[in-house]
Each structure stands twice: as structure tokens, then as C-alpha cells.
C-alpha atoms as a PDB file:
ATOM      1  CA  MET A   1     -88.699 -61.648-190.154  1.00  0.00           C
ATOM      2  CA  PRO A   2     -88.852 -63.904-187.188  1.00  0.00           C
ATOM      3  CA  LYS A   3     -86.673 -63.193-184.147  1.00  0.00           C
ATOM      4  CA  ARG A   4     -85.002 -66.573-184.228  1.00  0.00           C
ATOM      5  CA  SER A   5     -83.541 -66.048-187.707  1.00  0.00           C
ATOM      6  CA  VAL A   6     -82.340 -62.628-186.709  1.00  0.00           C
ATOM      7  CA  LEU A   7     -80.484 -64.105-183.767  1.00  0.00           C
ATOM      8  CA  VAL A   8     -78.897 -66.715-186.010  1.00  0.00           C
ATOM      9  CA  ILE A   9     -77.663 -64.064-188.434  1.00  0.00           C
ATOM     10  CA  LEU A  10     -76.243 -61.948-185.642  1.00  0.00           C
ATOM     11  CA  SER A  11     -74.456 -64.926-184.071  1.00  0.00           C
ATOM     12  CA  SER A  12     -72.887 -65.892-187.392  1.00  0.00           C
ATOM     13  CA  ILE A  13     -71.649 -62.317-187.919  1.00  0.00           C
ATOM     14  CA  PHE A  14     -70.163 -62.320-184.391  1.00  0.00           C
ATOM     15  CA  LEU A  15     -68.355 -65.577-185.021  1.00  0.00           C
ATOM     16  CA  MET A  16     -66.851 -64.262-188.262  1.00  0.00           C
ATOM     17  CA  CYS A  17     -65.518 -61.178-186.463  1.00  0.00           C
ATOM     18  CA  MET A  18     -63.953 -63.283-183.723  1.00  0.00           C
ATOM     19  CA  THR A  19     -62.149 -65.545-186.219  1.00  0.00           C
ATOM     20  CA  SER A  20     -60.726 -62.526-188.042  1.00  0.00           C
ATOM     21  CA  VAL A  21     -59.299 -61.212-184.767  1.00  0.00           C
ATOM     22  CA  ARG A  22     -57.653 -64.553-183.862  1.00  0.00           C
ATOM     23  CA  GLN A  23     -55.929 -64.887-187.275  1.00  0.00           C
ATOM     24  CA  PRO A  24     -53.930 -61.658-187.797  1.00  0.00           C
ATOM     25  CA  SER A  25     -51.881 -63.142-190.604  1.00  0.00           C
ATOM     26  CA  LEU A  26     -54.798 -62.731-192.842  1.00  0.00           C
ATOM     27  CA  VAL A  27     -54.907 -59.054-192.146  1.00  0.00           C
ATOM     28  CA  CYS A  28     -51.234 -58.011-191.848  1.00  0.00           C
ATOM     29  CA  PRO A  29     -48.046 -59.840-192.851  1.00  0.00           C
ATOM     30  CA  GLN A  30     -46.094 -61.465-190.018  1.00  0.00           C
ATOM     31  CA  THR A  31     -42.609 -60.001-189.333  1.00  0.00           C
ATOM     32  CA  PRO A  32     -39.757 -62.545-189.262  1.00  0.00           C
ATOM     33  CA  ARG A  33     -38.408 -63.308-185.828  1.00  0.00           C
ATOM     34  CA  ALA A  34     -34.714 -62.955-185.010  1.00  0.00           C
ATOM     35  CA  ALA A  35     -32.733 -66.172-184.624  1.00  0.00           C
ATOM     36  CA  ALA A  36     -32.315 -67.266-181.056  1.00  0.00           C
ATOM     37  CA  PRO A  37     -28.779 -67.115-179.713  1.00  0.00           C
ATOM     38  CA  ALA A  38     -26.892 -70.432-179.684  1.00  0.00           C
ATOM     39  CA  VAL A  39     -26.730 -71.936-176.259  1.00  0.00           C
ATOM     40  CA  SER A  40     -23.249 -73.155-175.268  1.00  0.00           C
ATOM     41  CA  THR A  41     -23.128 -76.742-174.132  1.00  0.00           C
ATOM     42  CA  GLN A  42     -19.799 -76.305-172.227  1.00  0.00           C
ATOM     43  CA  PRO A  43     -19.980 -76.170-168.458  1.00  0.00           C
ATOM     44  CA  ALA A  44     -19.667 -72.769-166.888  1.00  0.00           C
ATOM     45  CA  ILE A  45     -16.227 -72.155-165.361  1.00  0.00           C
ATOM     46  CA  MET A  46     -15.707 -69.304-162.991  1.00  0.00           C
ATOM     47  CA  LYS A  47     -12.476 -67.428-163.531  1.00  0.00           C
ATOM     48  CA  PRO A  48     -10.699 -66.562-160.303  1.00  0.00           C
ATOM     49  CA  THR A  49     -10.042 -62.937-159.612  1.00  0.00           C
ATOM     50  CA  GLU A  50      -6.421 -63.694-158.667  1.00  0.00           C
ATOM     51  CA  GLU A  51      -4.084 -65.995-160.531  1.00  0.00           C
ATOM     52  CA  PRO A  52      -2.659 -68.905-158.513  1.00  0.00           C
ATOM     53  CA  PRO A  53       0.983 -68.579-157.447  1.00  0.00           C
ATOM     54  CA  ALA A  54       3.536 -69.918-159.874  1.00  0.00           C
ATOM     55  CA  TYR A  55       4.791 -73.257-158.650  1.00  0.00           C
ATOM     56  CA  SER A  56       8.384 -74.345-158.952  1.00  0.00           C
ATOM     57  CA  GLN A  57       7.561 -77.433-161.009  1.00  0.00           C
ATOM     58  CA  THR A  58       9.121 -75.925-164.093  1.00  0.00           C
ATOM     59  CA  LYS A  59      12.338 -75.428-162.160  1.00  0.00           C
ATOM     60  CA  GLU A  60      12.246 -78.709-160.287  1.00  0.00           C
ATOM     61  CA  GLN A  61      11.648 -80.766-163.401  1.00  0.00           C
ATOM     62  CA  PRO A  62      14.873 -79.650-165.152  1.00  0.00           C
ATOM     63  CA  ARG A  63      16.802 -80.206-161.925  1.00  0.00           C
ATOM     64  CA  GLY A  64      15.359 -83.671-161.514  1.00  0.00           C
ATOM     65  CA  ALA A  65      16.108 -84.470-165.129  1.00  0.00           C
ATOM     66  CA  ALA A  66      19.686 -83.231-164.720  1.00  0.00           C
ATOM     67  CA  GLU A  67      20.165 -85.365-161.617  1.00  0.00           C
ATOM     68  CA  LEU A  68      18.775 -88.407-163.396  1.00  0.00           C
ATOM     69  CA  LEU A  69      21.092 -87.815-166.332  1.00  0.00           C
ATOM     70  CA  LYS A  70      24.037 -87.426-163.985  1.00  0.00           C
ATOM     71  CA  ARG A  71      23.210 -90.651-162.181  1.00  0.00           C
ATOM     72  CA  GLN A  72      22.743 -92.408-165.486  1.00  0.00           C
ATOM     73  CA  GLU A  73      26.182 -91.222-166.627  1.00  0.00           C
ATOM     74  CA  GLU A  74      27.739 -92.443-163.377  1.00  0.00           C
ATOM     75  CA  LEU A  75      26.087 -95.827-163.746  1.00  0.00           C
ATOM     76  CA  GLU A  76      27.248 -96.053-167.346  1.00  0.00           C
ATOM     77  CA  LYS A  77      30.808 -95.203-166.284  1.00  0.00           C
ATOM     78  CA  LYS A  78      30.725 -97.867-163.585  1.00  0.00           C
ATOM     79  CA  ALA A  79      29.316-100.405-166.015  1.00  0.00           C
ATOM     80  CA  ALA A  80      32.014 -99.554-168.558  1.00  0.00           C
ATOM     81  CA  GLU A  81      34.648 -99.841-165.839  1.00  0.00           C
ATOM     82  CA  LEU A  82      33.362-103.248-164.787  1.00  0.00           C
ATOM     83  CA  ASP A  83      33.317-104.429-168.385  1.00  0.00           C
ATOM     84  CA  ARG A  84      36.847-103.187-168.914  1.00  0.00           C
ATOM     85  CA  ARG A  85      38.049-104.922-165.765  1.00  0.00           C
ATOM     86  CA  GLU A  86      36.323-108.124-166.761  1.00  0.00           C
ATOM     87  CA  ARG A  87      38.001-108.025-170.164  1.00  0.00           C
ATOM     88  CA  GLU A  88      41.301-107.272-168.494  1.00  0.00           C
ATOM     89  CA  MET A  89      40.919-110.223-166.133  1.00  0.00           C
ATOM     90  CA  GLN A  90      39.982-112.485-169.006  1.00  0.00           C
ATOM     91  CA  THR A  91      43.043-111.340-170.926  1.00  0.00           C
ATOM     92  CA  LEU A  92      45.248-111.883-167.911  1.00  0.00           C
ATOM     93  CA  SER A  93      43.818-115.334-167.228  1.00  0.00           C
ATOM     94  CA  ALA A  94      44.293-116.266-170.878  1.00  0.00           C
ATOM     95  CA  SER A  95      47.901-115.079-170.820  1.00  0.00           C
ATOM     96  CA  GLY A  96      48.641-116.961-167.610  1.00  0.00           C
ATOM     97  CA  GLY A  97      48.440-114.065-165.106  1.00  0.00           C
ATOM     98  CA  ARG A  98      49.503-110.457-165.074  1.00  0.00           C
ATOM     99  CA  LYS A  99      53.163-109.621-165.225  1.00  0.00           C
ATOM    100  CA  ASN A 100      54.976-107.100-163.094  1.00  0.00           C
ATOM    101  CA  ASN A 101      55.498-103.788-164.868  1.00  0.00           C
ATOM    102  CA  TRP A 102      56.995-101.497-162.225  1.00  0.00           C
ATOM    103  CA  PRO A 103      59.632-100.141-162.137  1.00  0.00           C
ATOM    104  CA  PRO A 104      59.742 -99.916-165.935  1.00  0.00           C
ATOM    105  CA  LEU A 105      63.076-101.476-166.755  1.00  0.00           C
ATOM    106  CA  PRO A 106      64.482-102.562-170.108  1.00  0.00           C
ATOM    107  CA  GLU A 107      64.146-106.219-171.029  1.00  0.00           C
ATOM    108  CA  ASN A 108      67.900-106.752-171.118  1.00  0.00           C
ATOM    109  CA  PHE A 109      68.290-105.406-167.575  1.00  0.00           C
ATOM    110  CA  PRO A 110      69.502-108.105-165.150  1.00  0.00           C
ATOM    111  CA  VAL A 111      66.776-107.263-162.607  1.00  0.00           C
ATOM    112  CA  GLY A 112      63.136-107.324-163.661  1.00  0.00           C
ATOM    113  CA  PRO A 113      60.146-105.325-162.395  1.00  0.00           C
ATOM    114  CA  CYS A 114      59.012-106.071-158.852  1.00  0.00           C
ATOM    115  CA  PHE A 115      55.396-104.839-158.786  1.00  0.00           C
ATOM    116  CA  TYR A 116      52.317-104.629-160.933  1.00  0.00           C
ATOM    117  CA  HIS A 117      51.133-101.021-161.115  1.00  0.00           C
ATOM    118  CA  ASP A 118      48.093 -99.942-163.126  1.00  0.00           C
ATOM    119  CA  ILE A 119      45.763 -97.481-161.430  1.00  0.00           C
ATOM    120  CA  THR A 120      43.087 -97.663-164.129  1.00  0.00           C
ATOM    121  CA  VAL A 121      42.818-101.442-163.733  1.00  0.00           C
ATOM    122  CA  ASP A 122      43.229-102.030-159.991  1.00  0.00           C
ATOM    123  CA  ILE A 123      41.689 -98.939-158.396  1.00  0.00           C
ATOM    124  CA  PRO A 124      37.941 -98.124-158.452  1.00  0.00           C
ATOM    125  CA  VAL A 125      36.948 -95.082-160.474  1.00  0.00           C
ATOM    126  CA  GLU A 126      36.023 -92.906-157.482  1.00  0.00           C
ATOM    127  CA  PHE A 127      39.491 -93.373-155.913  1.00  0.00           C
ATOM    128  CA  GLN A 128      41.703 -93.231-159.004  1.00  0.00           C
ATOM    129  CA  LYS A 129      42.340 -89.481-158.790  1.00  0.00           C
ATOM    130  CA  THR A 130      43.451 -89.722-155.149  1.00  0.00           C
ATOM    131  CA  VAL A 131      45.839 -92.583-155.876  1.00  0.00           C
ATOM    132  CA  GLN A 132      47.259 -90.730-158.892  1.00  0.00           C
ATOM    133  CA  ILE A 133      47.908 -87.651-156.750  1.00  0.00           C
ATOM    134  CA  MET A 134      49.723 -89.803-154.186  1.00  0.00           C
ATOM    135  CA  TYR A 135      51.767 -91.400-156.944  1.00  0.00           C
ATOM    136  CA  TYR A 136      52.771 -87.964-158.254  1.00  0.00           C
ATOM    137  CA  LEU A 137      53.538 -86.922-154.677  1.00  0.00           C
ATOM    138  CA  TRP A 138      55.851 -89.898-154.318  1.00  0.00           C
ATOM    139  CA  MET A 139      57.595 -88.909-157.562  1.00  0.00           C
ATOM    140  CA  CYS A 140      58.025 -85.377-156.178  1.00  0.00           C
ATOM    141  CA  HIS A 141      59.420 -86.958-153.023  1.00  0.00           C
ATOM    142  CA  ALA A 142      62.046 -88.847-155.028  1.00  0.00           C
ATOM    143  CA  GLY A 143      62.872 -85.746-157.092  1.00  0.00           C
ATOM    144  CA  THR A 144      63.263 -83.622-153.944  1.00  0.00           C
ATOM    145  CA  LEU A 145      65.669 -86.149-152.445  1.00  0.00           C
ATOM    146  CA  LEU A 146      67.693 -85.993-155.664  1.00  0.00           C
ATOM    147  CA  ALA A 147      67.665 -82.184-155.527  1.00  0.00           C
ATOM    148  CA  ASN A 148      68.766 -82.401-151.888  1.00  0.00           C
ATOM    149  CA  LEU A 149      71.706 -84.552-152.983  1.00  0.00           C
ATOM    150  CA  VAL A 150      72.684 -81.928-155.569  1.00  0.00           C
ATOM    151  CA  GLY A 151      72.361 -79.107-153.019  1.00  0.00           C
ATOM    152  CA  CYS A 152      74.498 -80.907-150.415  1.00  0.00           C
ATOM    153  CA  MET A 153      77.071 -81.739-153.095  1.00  0.00           C
ATOM    154  CA  ALA A 154      77.271 -78.065-154.094  1.00  0.00           C
ATOM    155  CA  TRP A 155      77.602 -77.132-150.437  1.00  0.00           C
ATOM    156  CA  PHE A 156      80.418 -79.660-150.091  1.00  0.00           C
ATOM    157  CA  PHE A 157      82.231 -78.078-153.055  1.00  0.00           C
ATOM    158  CA  VAL A 158      82.020 -74.681-151.377  1.00  0.00           C
ATOM    159  CA  ASP A 159      82.784 -75.897-147.851  1.00  0.00           C
ATOM    160  CA  VAL A 160      84.877 -79.048-147.586  1.00  0.00           C
ATOM    161  CA  SER A 161      83.850 -79.564-143.974  1.00  0.00           C
ATOM    162  CA  ARG A 162      80.312 -80.490-145.144  1.00  0.00           C
ATOM    163  CA  GLY A 163      81.289 -83.954-146.317  1.00  0.00           C
ATOM    164  CA  VAL A 164      79.012 -85.549-143.725  1.00  0.00           C
ATOM    165  CA  ASP A 165      75.961 -83.777-145.167  1.00  0.00           C
ATOM    166  CA  PHE A 166      76.892 -84.860-148.680  1.00  0.00           C
ATOM    167  CA  GLY A 167      77.348 -88.495-147.633  1.00  0.00           C
ATOM    168  CA  LEU A 168      74.069 -88.566-145.686  1.00  0.00           C
ATOM    169  CA  SER A 169      72.209 -86.985-148.615  1.00  0.00           C
ATOM    170  CA  ILE A 170      73.343 -89.888-150.797  1.00  0.00           C
ATOM    171  CA  LEU A 171      72.178 -92.335-148.124  1.00  0.00           C
ATOM    172  CA  TRP A 172      68.790 -90.624-147.754  1.00  0.00           C
ATOM    173  CA  PHE A 173      68.241 -90.698-151.509  1.00  0.00           C
ATOM    174  CA  MET A 174      69.140 -94.378-151.849  1.00  0.00           C
ATOM    175  CA  LEU A 175      67.214 -95.397-148.728  1.00  0.00           C
ATOM    176  CA  PHE A 176      64.093 -93.225-148.610  1.00  0.00           C
ATOM    177  CA  THR A 177      63.212 -93.455-152.306  1.00  0.00           C
ATOM    178  CA  PRO A 178      62.468 -97.230-152.413  1.00  0.00           C
ATOM    179  CA  CYS A 179      61.353 -97.399-148.780  1.00  0.00           C
ATOM    180  CA  SER A 180      58.752 -94.681-149.265  1.00  0.00           C
ATOM    181  CA  TYR A 181      57.324 -96.539-152.254  1.00  0.00           C
ATOM    182  CA  VAL A 182      57.168 -99.864-150.417  1.00  0.00           C
ATOM    183  CA  CYS A 183      56.198 -98.601-146.964  1.00  0.00           C
ATOM    184  CA  TRP A 184      53.466 -96.051-147.626  1.00  0.00           C
ATOM    185  CA  TYR A 185      52.560 -95.883-151.315  1.00  0.00           C
ATOM    186  CA  ARG A 186      52.079 -99.613-151.906  1.00  0.00           C
ATOM    187  CA  PRO A 187      49.957-100.041-148.731  1.00  0.00           C
ATOM    188  CA  LEU A 188      47.779 -97.161-149.921  1.00  0.00           C
ATOM    189  CA  TYR A 189      47.530 -98.684-153.403  1.00  0.00           C
ATOM    190  CA  GLY A 190      46.576-102.071-151.958  1.00  0.00           C
ATOM    191  CA  ALA A 191      44.132-100.519-149.480  1.00  0.00           C
ATOM    192  CA  PHE A 192      42.106 -98.832-152.219  1.00  0.00           C
ATOM    193  CA  ARG A 193      42.420-101.866-154.491  1.00  0.00           C
ATOM    194  CA  SER A 194      41.102-104.458-152.050  1.00  0.00           C
ATOM    195  CA  ASP A 195      39.397-102.202-149.456  1.00  0.00           C
ATOM    196  CA  SER A 196      41.774-103.445-146.762  1.00  0.00           C
ATOM    197  CA  SER A 197      41.475-101.890-143.301  1.00  0.00           C
ATOM    198  CA  PHE A 198      44.822-103.303-142.224  1.00  0.00           C
ATOM    199  CA  ARG A 199      46.630-101.632-145.127  1.00  0.00           C
ATOM    200  CA  PHE A 200      44.899 -98.353-144.375  1.00  0.00           C
ATOM    201  CA  PHE A 201      46.181 -98.477-140.808  1.00  0.00           C
ATOM    202  CA  LEU A 202      49.656 -99.386-142.031  1.00  0.00           C
ATOM    203  CA  PHE A 203      49.625 -96.426-144.404  1.00  0.00           C
ATOM    204  CA  PHE A 204      48.463 -94.007-141.695  1.00  0.00           C
ATOM    205  CA  PHE A 205      51.163 -95.129-139.281  1.00  0.00           C
ATOM    206  CA  VAL A 206      54.000 -94.915-141.804  1.00  0.00           C
ATOM    207  CA  TYR A 207      52.784 -91.675-143.372  1.00  0.00           C
ATOM    208  CA  ILE A 208      52.709 -89.918-139.996  1.00  0.00           C
ATOM    209  CA  CYS A 209      56.398 -90.856-139.656  1.00  0.00           C
ATOM    210  CA  GLN A 210      57.005 -89.601-143.192  1.00  0.00           C
ATOM    211  CA  PHE A 211      55.414 -86.260-142.304  1.00  0.00           C
ATOM    212  CA  GLY A 212      57.746 -85.959-139.305  1.00  0.00           C
ATOM    213  CA  ILE A 213      60.732 -86.652-141.568  1.00  0.00           C
ATOM    214  CA  TYR A 214      59.547 -83.932-143.975  1.00  0.00           C
ATOM    215  CA  VAL A 215      59.406 -81.445-141.096  1.00  0.00           C
ATOM    216  CA  ILE A 216      62.955 -82.339-139.999  1.00  0.00           C
ATOM    217  CA  GLN A 217      64.233 -82.108-143.563  1.00  0.00           C
ATOM    218  CA  CYS A 218      62.656 -78.700-144.205  1.00  0.00           C
ATOM    219  CA  ILE A 219      64.192 -77.395-140.950  1.00  0.00           C
ATOM    220  CA  GLY A 220      67.625 -78.436-142.235  1.00  0.00           C
ATOM    221  CA  ILE A 221      69.687 -79.153-139.150  1.00  0.00           C
ATOM    222  CA  THR A 222      73.364 -79.054-140.083  1.00  0.00           C
ATOM    223  CA  SER A 223      75.258 -82.357-140.321  1.00  0.00           C
ATOM    224  CA  TRP A 224      71.961 -84.199-140.911  1.00  0.00           C
ATOM    225  CA  GLY A 225      72.300 -84.356-144.672  1.00  0.00           C
ATOM    226  CA  THR A 226      69.371 -82.075-145.591  1.00  0.00           C
ATOM    227  CA  SER A 227      69.260 -78.765-147.436  1.00  0.00           C
ATOM    228  CA  GLY A 228      66.689 -77.179-145.158  1.00  0.00           C
ATOM    229  CA  TRP A 229      66.214 -73.598-144.092  1.00  0.00           C
ATOM    230  CA  ILE A 230      68.979 -73.534-141.456  1.00  0.00           C
ATOM    231  CA  SER A 231      71.536 -75.119-143.784  1.00  0.00           C
ATOM    232  CA  ALA A 232      70.479 -72.872-146.698  1.00  0.00           C
ATOM    233  CA  LEU A 233      70.780 -69.659-144.671  1.00  0.00           C
ATOM    234  CA  THR A 234      74.117 -70.818-143.301  1.00  0.00           C
ATOM    235  CA  CYS A 235      75.448 -71.477-146.814  1.00  0.00           C
ATOM    236  CA  LEU A 236      73.984 -68.211-148.112  1.00  0.00           C
ATOM    237  CA  ASN A 237      76.496 -66.261-146.075  1.00  0.00           C
ATOM    238  CA  LYS A 238      79.388 -68.004-147.845  1.00  0.00           C
ATOM    239  CA  ASN A 239      78.118 -68.541-151.392  1.00  0.00           C
ATOM    240  CA  VAL A 240      74.981 -66.942-152.770  1.00  0.00           C
ATOM    241  CA  PRO A 241      74.316 -69.262-155.778  1.00  0.00           C
ATOM    242  CA  VAL A 242      74.697 -72.411-153.677  1.00  0.00           C
ATOM    243  CA  GLY A 243      72.579 -70.825-150.972  1.00  0.00           C
ATOM    244  CA  VAL A 244      69.827 -70.120-153.504  1.00  0.00           C
ATOM    245  CA  ILE A 245      69.909 -73.770-154.651  1.00  0.00           C
ATOM    246  CA  MET A 246      69.577 -74.935-151.066  1.00  0.00           C
ATOM    247  CA  ILE A 247      66.695 -72.493-150.461  1.00  0.00           C
ATOM    248  CA  ILE A 248      64.868 -74.017-153.432  1.00  0.00           C
ATOM    249  CA  VAL A 249      65.357 -77.462-151.907  1.00  0.00           C
ATOM    250  CA  ALA A 250      64.064 -76.167-148.563  1.00  0.00           C
ATOM    251  CA  VAL A 251      60.958 -74.824-150.324  1.00  0.00           C
ATOM    252  CA  LEU A 252      60.433 -78.253-151.911  1.00  0.00           C
ATOM    253  CA  PHE A 253      60.658 -79.984-148.518  1.00  0.00           C
ATOM    254  CA  THR A 254      58.194 -77.484-147.049  1.00  0.00           C
ATOM    255  CA  SER A 255      55.773 -78.019-149.933  1.00  0.00           C
ATOM    256  CA  LEU A 256      55.989 -81.792-149.482  1.00  0.00           C
ATOM    257  CA  ALA A 257      55.198 -81.426-145.781  1.00  0.00           C
ATOM    258  CA  ALA A 258      52.146 -79.256-146.518  1.00  0.00           C
ATOM    259  CA  MET A 259      50.873 -81.529-149.314  1.00  0.00           C
ATOM    260  CA  SER A 260      51.370 -84.663-147.248  1.00  0.00           C
ATOM    261  CA  LEU A 261      49.284 -83.189-144.425  1.00  0.00           C
ATOM    262  CA  ILE A 262      46.487 -82.211-146.842  1.00  0.00           C
ATOM    263  CA  MET A 263      46.442 -85.633-148.495  1.00  0.00           C
ATOM    264  CA  PHE A 264      46.545 -87.371-145.126  1.00  0.00           C
ATOM    265  CA  LYS A 265      43.325 -85.586-144.106  1.00  0.00           C
ATOM    266  CA  LYS A 266      41.707 -86.324-147.459  1.00  0.00           C
ATOM    267  CA  ILE A 267      42.561 -90.038-147.373  1.00  0.00           C
ATOM    268  CA  HIS A 268      41.403 -90.291-143.774  1.00  0.00           C
ATOM    269  CA  ALA A 269      38.040 -88.819-144.816  1.00  0.00           C
ATOM    270  CA  LEU A 270      37.789 -91.362-147.656  1.00  0.00           C
ATOM    271  CA  TYR A 271      38.789 -94.119-145.267  1.00  0.00           C
ATOM    272  CA  ARG A 272      35.867 -93.273-142.984  1.00  0.00           C
ATOM    273  CA  THR A 273      33.434 -93.585-145.899  1.00  0.00           C
ATOM    274  CA  THR A 274      34.644 -97.080-146.869  1.00  0.00           C
ATOM    275  CA  GLY A 275      33.329 -98.723-143.698  1.00  0.00           C
ATOM    276  CA  ALA A 276      36.786 -99.770-142.495  1.00  0.00           C
ATOM    277  CA  SER A 277      37.492-100.107-138.761  1.00  0.00           C
ATOM    278  CA  PHE A 278      40.159-101.192-136.316  1.00  0.00           C
ATOM    279  CA  GLU A 279      38.317-104.439-135.532  1.00  0.00           C
ATOM    280  CA  ARG A 280      38.202-105.260-139.219  1.00  0.00           C
ATOM    281  CA  ALA A 281      41.926-104.553-139.487  1.00  0.00           C
ATOM    282  CA  GLN A 282      42.583-106.964-136.612  1.00  0.00           C
ATOM    283  CA  GLN A 283      40.518-109.652-138.304  1.00  0.00           C
ATOM    284  CA  GLU A 284      42.360-109.149-141.592  1.00  0.00           C
ATOM    285  CA  PHE A 285      45.707-109.318-139.838  1.00  0.00           C
ATOM    286  CA  ALA A 286      44.762-112.489-137.959  1.00  0.00           C
ATOM    287  CA  SER A 287      43.383-114.178-141.068  1.00  0.00           C
ATOM    288  CA  GLY A 288      46.427-113.115-143.093  1.00  0.00           C
ATOM    289  CA  VAL A 289      48.845-114.423-140.501  1.00  0.00           C
ATOM    290  CA  MET A 290      47.031-117.723-140.086  1.00  0.00           C
ATOM    291  CA  SER A 291      46.753-118.216-143.858  1.00  0.00           C
ATOM    292  CA  ASN A 292      50.489-117.698-144.319  1.00  0.00           C
ATOM    293  CA  LYS A 293      52.186-120.977-145.163  1.00  0.00           C
ATOM    294  CA  THR A 294      55.336-120.078-143.238  1.00  0.00           C
ATOM    295  CA  VAL A 295      53.335-119.326-140.092  1.00  0.00           C
ATOM    296  CA  GLN A 296      51.319-122.514-140.540  1.00  0.00           C
ATOM    297  CA  ALA A 297      54.482-124.564-140.894  1.00  0.00           C
ATOM    298  CA  ALA A 298      56.046-122.914-137.834  1.00  0.00           C
ATOM    299  CA  ALA A 299      52.895-123.517-135.772  1.00  0.00           C
ATOM    300  CA  ALA A 300      52.752-127.146-136.897  1.00  0.00           C
ATOM    301  CA  ASN A 301      56.421-127.691-135.988  1.00  0.00           C
ATOM    302  CA  ALA A 302      55.916-126.054-132.586  1.00  0.00           C
ATOM    303  CA  ALA A 303      52.842-128.187-131.914  1.00  0.00           C
ATOM    304  CA  SER A 304      54.602-131.405-132.955  1.00  0.00           C
ATOM    305  CA  SER A 305      57.680-130.620-130.854  1.00  0.00           C
ATOM    306  CA  ALA A 306      55.482-129.827-127.843  1.00  0.00           C
ATOM    307  CA  ALA A 307      53.594-133.098-128.325  1.00  0.00           C
ATOM    308  CA  GLN A 308      56.832-135.069-128.603  1.00  0.00           C
ATOM    309  CA  GLY A 309      58.205-133.404-125.475  1.00  0.00           C
ATOM    310  CA  ALA A 310      55.032-134.203-123.551  1.00  0.00           C
ATOM    311  CA  PHE A 311      55.134-137.810-124.751  1.00  0.00           C
ATOM    312  CA  LYS A 312      58.766-138.196-123.658  1.00  0.00           C
ATOM    313  CA  GLU A 313      58.068-136.808-120.208  1.00  0.00           C
ATOM    314  CA  GLN A 314      55.505-139.510-119.526  1.00  0.00           C
ATOM    315  CA  PRO A 315      56.977-142.472-117.460  1.00  0.00           C
END
């Protein structure tokens, strides 16, 4: 056998062995491979070791919402008040103007009401409570003067020499009841109604005098027509029931003095928030005086008489 054919046979056998080694599936079955784990497509987020501090947003949000609701309610109240006032003004203009309703007198009474009084119509919402308190304080003032009259009358029945106190108590009741309404309550009512600095100053001046009168009345100097502490203790030595009545009146005068001082401070604080000033009060007074028809007529007459006198003096 030639060497060349032997080499060819050996090379073919070598190639067959090599192919059997490269293809193991022909010799042994292939084991199935495990499925590869699914790769997450979400970005990796590192978790902090410490949690961030709890912010107060959860607390601030309810507070902010509550404040917004409160402001919304206030705006709705103001809008309702303006609508009500507008309807009231339309009704009044349709009826030919508003009619006086205070004091409430019967229709058959010979004297009619002198003022128009309606706090819910004339006074802004934020000042209505203050004006109502002052109105109730004025009513307590009138009731205390009536109680003082009763106390002085009882004292006069026990001691005939106290006729002067009884007579003055009648005078104080008849004088101070309407004067207090006209001199300090109506200026206060008009000041809050029209935001008038001049009326505020008028109220402050008169109400300081009213406070001084309350102090004198609660002291109760004899022969001054007041059932104060001195008069009550003096009468208590003679008649206990009458003395007790006068002590009650003295307590009422003292309470009025204390309440008037408290309300004076409160109204003064409100007055400072309204933007009123003494210069503004002077301007209102000057404009009010010059717009008065009586003053205008008097000024015109004075100017015409002065012009006529100057014309006559010329040669």
C-alpha cells in the first residue's frame, strides 16, 4: 500500500474524531439552561438611611384653608350687607325717603318721632356690636336715673327734709335722659355711620363730662339729688329698707361709671383705626359751617351791609 494513501486514510480518521469532539450533542443530550432573570427597566433609586424630617405642610394647609374660608365668609357677609343696604336705599327712595322711627310713639300721639334709628341699616357690620352696646348703656343710664328718682322719693318719705334731693332727682331724670341721647349717643351713631371725625371728637368731649357726672352721682353728695354711697349710708342709719334701695342705686351709678370708662377706651381704639384725625375734624367743621344755609345767608348779609357802608362813606 503506498504511503500517500495511508496518509490520506489517517487524515480522514483524524478529521472524523475532531468533528465528534466539537459536536457533543451527538454524544450526550444537552441539559436545559435556566431562564435568565428579568432585568428591571426602572431606574435605580437609592433609599436614604434616614427619613427626611416631617414638614408642617399638612398642618399649614388646613390652617390656610381655614383662613381662606374665614375670609370668604367675611366677604360674603359684607356683600350681603351691601346688597341689603342697596335694597333698603331703593325702598326708601321709592317711598320718598326714610321716616323717623325713634322714639317709638303711637300714631295718635301729638308729637311724632324725632330721629331715624336702625343700627343694622346705618352702621357697618364691624361696628354694629359696639353701637348696640352703647345703645344698651344709654338705656341703663335712663333706667338708673329713674331708679335714682324712686330712691330719692323713698328717702323723702322717710325724711321730709330731703325734699331738695327729690326735686333735683326729678330734674336730673327729665334733663339728662334726652340730653344724653342727643349729646353723646347720636354723635357716636353718626360718627360710625358716616365716618365723621368731627362727631367722634364731639362724642369724646361730651362723654368725658358724662363720666365725671357718673362719678359725682355714685359718690352721692347730700342735697345734690343723687342716691350715691354717702346718701345711702346716711339713710341706712334711719331706715334700712330705704337705705338698701339707695345702695342698689349707688351700685348702678358705679357700674355705669366703670362701663363708660371701658367703652370710652374701646371706642377710642376703634377711632384710631378709622383714619380719623383732628385736622380732618376741622375740615369737616369748616365745610359743614360754610355749607349751612343760615351761615351763608348771615355772611351774605354781613358782606352786603359792609359794602353798603363803604359805599356811603365815599364822598
